[in-house]
Structures are given as C-alpha cells and as structure tokens.
C-alpha cells in the first residue's frame, strides 16, 4: 500500500464581497487537489479517468447548486404568495 499525503485547505484571506476573492480559491485547493489525484492514481485509476471523473463531479455539483438555488427561490416565492393570500392587509 502506498503512503497517502493529506493536504489542508487554507481558508480565504479576503471577505466574501471582495471582487478578487475567487482568484485565491484555486491556490487554496491545489495541494488537496494534487493529493486527491495521487490517491486515485495509487488506487489504479488513469490520469484521463481521474480528469474525466473530476470534471463530471464538478459539473454535477454546479448543476445541483443551481437547482437548489432555483428551489429555494420557488419556495420563497410560494411563501410570499401564500402570505399575501391569507393576510391581505399584511
């Protein structure tokens, strides 16, 4: 069994509203990302298989986040409409 290294992900240095904060994230994730790739290769997966899987997972994550945001928006809209219907003065 090969030795696996663990990589910590450093927290952001800038507040969420900083316009360049997103540029820091790839650097923060790089060590953990490389460790994940090395671990997958050590388990027997090829570089192409790993790259495809990571792209697939990233795309699925983006889609799920967008769908969750749309669901939360629809719930909030339904709650507002329900409130207006049952509280016409409110």
Protein backbone atom coordinates (compact mmCIF):
# COMPACT_ATOMS: atom_id res chain seq x y z
CA UNK A 1 0.00 0.00 0.00
CA UNK A 2 1.34 3.42 -0.91
CA UNK A 3 1.53 6.29 1.52
CA UNK A 4 -1.11 8.95 1.01
CA UNK A 5 -0.42 12.53 1.88
CA UNK A 6 -3.01 14.73 3.47
CA UNK A 7 -3.35 18.33 2.39
CA UNK A 8 -5.05 21.06 4.34
CA UNK A 9 -7.19 23.61 2.58
CA UNK A 10 -6.41 27.09 3.79
CA UNK A 11 -9.31 29.45 4.48
CA UNK A 12 -9.83 32.55 2.37
CA UNK A 13 -7.89 35.66 3.30
CA UNK A 14 -10.44 38.04 1.81
CA UNK A 15 -14.07 38.69 2.76
CA UNK A 16 -16.88 37.22 0.62
CA UNK A 17 -17.61 40.58 -1.01
CA UNK A 18 -14.03 41.09 -2.26
CA UNK A 19 -14.12 41.13 -6.07
CA UNK A 20 -10.90 39.09 -6.43
CA UNK A 21 -11.57 36.51 -3.72
CA UNK A 22 -12.42 33.80 -6.28
CA UNK A 23 -8.87 34.06 -7.66
CA UNK A 24 -7.48 32.81 -4.35
CA UNK A 25 -9.53 29.60 -4.25
CA UNK A 26 -7.56 27.57 -6.85
CA UNK A 27 -4.36 28.18 -4.91
CA UNK A 28 -6.05 27.16 -1.67
CA UNK A 29 -7.33 23.91 -3.22
CA UNK A 30 -4.24 22.97 -5.22
CA UNK A 31 -2.46 20.81 -2.62
CA UNK A 32 -5.61 18.89 -1.71
CA UNK A 33 -6.43 18.51 -5.41
CA UNK A 34 -2.98 17.08 -6.17
CA UNK A 35 -3.27 14.74 -3.16
CA UNK A 36 -6.64 13.50 -4.45
CA UNK A 37 -5.16 12.83 -7.89
CA UNK A 38 -2.19 10.98 -6.40
CA UNK A 39 -4.51 8.90 -4.22
CA UNK A 40 -6.68 7.99 -7.21
CA UNK A 41 -3.62 7.06 -9.27
CA UNK A 42 -2.30 4.94 -6.40
CA UNK A 43 -5.66 3.13 -6.40
CA UNK A 44 -5.16 2.27 -10.07
CA UNK A 45 -7.12 4.94 -11.95
CA UNK A 46 -5.56 6.51 -15.02
CA UNK A 47 -4.96 10.24 -15.35
CA UNK A 48 -7.63 10.53 -18.04
CA UNK A 49 -10.18 8.62 -15.94
CA UNK A 50 -9.46 10.88 -12.97
CA UNK A 51 -9.68 14.07 -15.02
CA UNK A 52 -12.99 12.99 -16.58
CA UNK A 53 -14.41 12.00 -13.18
CA UNK A 54 -13.39 15.32 -11.62
CA UNK A 55 -14.95 17.28 -14.48
CA UNK A 56 -18.12 15.20 -14.18
CA UNK A 57 -18.28 15.74 -10.42
CA UNK A 58 -17.64 19.48 -10.75
CA UNK A 59 -20.38 19.80 -13.37
CA UNK A 60 -22.82 17.79 -11.25
CA UNK A 61 -22.01 19.99 -8.26
CA UNK A 62 -22.67 23.18 -10.25
CA UNK A 63 -25.95 21.78 -11.57
CA UNK A 64 -27.09 20.70 -8.09
CA UNK A 65 -26.22 24.11 -6.64
CA UNK A 66 -28.18 25.88 -9.40
CA UNK A 67 -31.16 23.57 -8.92
CA UNK A 68 -31.05 24.13 -5.15
CA UNK A 69 -31.00 27.90 -5.64
CA UNK A 70 -33.98 27.65 -8.01
CA UNK A 71 -35.87 25.50 -5.50
CA UNK A 72 -35.13 27.91 -2.64
CA UNK A 73 -36.33 30.81 -4.81
CA UNK A 74 -39.54 28.96 -5.71
CA UNK A 75 -40.20 28.17 -2.03
CA UNK A 76 -39.66 31.80 -1.02
CA UNK A 77 -41.98 32.98 -3.83
CA UNK A 78 -44.69 30.48 -2.78
CA UNK A 79 -44.38 31.59 0.85
CA UNK A 80 -44.78 35.25 -0.14
CA UNK A 81 -47.82 34.46 -2.29
CA UNK A 82 -49.34 32.36 0.48
CA UNK A 83 -48.76 35.15 3.00
CA UNK A 84 -50.45 37.67 0.70
CA UNK A 85 -53.42 35.36 0.11
CA UNK A 86 -54.06 34.68 3.80
CA UNK A 87 -53.03 38.12 5.09
CA UNK A 88 -54.44 40.63 2.62
CA UNK A 89 -53.68 43.57 4.93
CA UNK A 90 -50.18 42.42 5.82
